[in-house]
Amino acid sequence: MAVPKSKVSKARRDKRRSAHWKLEAPTISKCPKCGELRVPHRVCKACGTYNGREVV
């Protein structure tokens, strides 16, 4: 049976866990029609276009 040899301290445990909870900034690209910054694969909030055609 797997048994730990010694106790893992709170600091060591938390250092290991900290790497998985970091947030990433969303990727931003320019709208080809109006040049406004937007998230890729989403409708542009400024001009309402997506994939070269007007959606909104």
Protein backbone atom coordinates (compact mmCIF):
# COMPACT_ATOMS: atom_id res chain seq x y z
CA MET A 1 0.00 0.00 0.00
CA ALA A 2 1.30 3.49 -0.84
CA VAL A 3 2.15 5.37 2.33
CA PRO A 4 4.02 8.71 2.43
CA LYS A 5 7.45 8.48 4.05
CA SER A 6 7.13 11.84 5.77
CA LYS A 7 4.65 14.68 6.15
CA VAL A 8 4.59 17.24 3.34
CA SER A 9 4.60 20.74 4.82
CA LYS A 10 1.84 23.23 3.97
CA ALA A 11 4.34 25.49 2.18
CA ARG A 12 5.64 22.65 0.00
CA ARG A 13 2.12 21.41 -0.75
CA ASP A 14 0.88 24.90 -1.66
CA LYS A 15 3.91 25.60 -3.88
CA ARG A 16 3.06 22.49 -5.91
CA ARG A 17 -0.63 23.41 -6.20
CA SER A 18 -0.10 27.08 -7.04
CA ALA A 19 0.97 26.52 -10.66
CA HIS A 20 -2.41 25.09 -11.74
CA TRP A 21 -4.62 28.00 -10.65
CA LYS A 22 -3.07 30.86 -12.59
CA LEU A 23 -5.44 32.75 -14.87
CA GLU A 24 -4.50 33.52 -18.46
CA ALA A 25 -5.28 36.77 -20.19
CA PRO A 26 -7.65 36.25 -23.11
CA THR A 27 -6.13 36.33 -26.59
CA ILE A 28 -7.00 39.51 -28.44
CA SER A 29 -6.97 40.14 -32.18
CA LYS A 30 -7.95 43.07 -34.40
CA CYS A 31 -11.22 43.07 -36.32
CA PRO A 32 -10.37 43.02 -40.03
CA LYS A 33 -13.24 45.41 -40.87
CA CYS A 34 -13.12 48.12 -38.20
CA GLY A 35 -9.78 47.47 -36.45
CA GLU A 36 -11.36 47.19 -32.98
CA LEU A 37 -9.75 44.73 -30.55
CA ARG A 38 -11.85 41.59 -30.05
CA VAL A 39 -11.63 37.97 -28.86
CA PRO A 40 -11.00 35.50 -31.71
CA HIS A 41 -13.97 33.42 -32.98
CA ARG A 42 -16.49 35.92 -31.59
CA VAL A 43 -18.68 38.59 -33.19
CA CYS A 44 -17.11 42.06 -33.14
CA LYS A 45 -18.98 44.23 -30.64
CA ALA A 46 -18.20 47.42 -32.54
CA CYS A 47 -19.33 46.57 -36.08
CA GLY A 48 -21.20 43.25 -35.59
CA THR A 49 -19.27 41.25 -38.20
CA TYR A 50 -17.99 37.68 -38.02
CA ASN A 51 -16.08 35.74 -40.67
CA GLY A 52 -16.38 38.56 -43.21
CA ARG A 53 -20.16 39.03 -43.03
CA GLU A 54 -22.47 41.14 -40.89
CA VAL A 55 -24.22 39.06 -38.23
CA VAL A 56 -25.70 41.61 -35.83
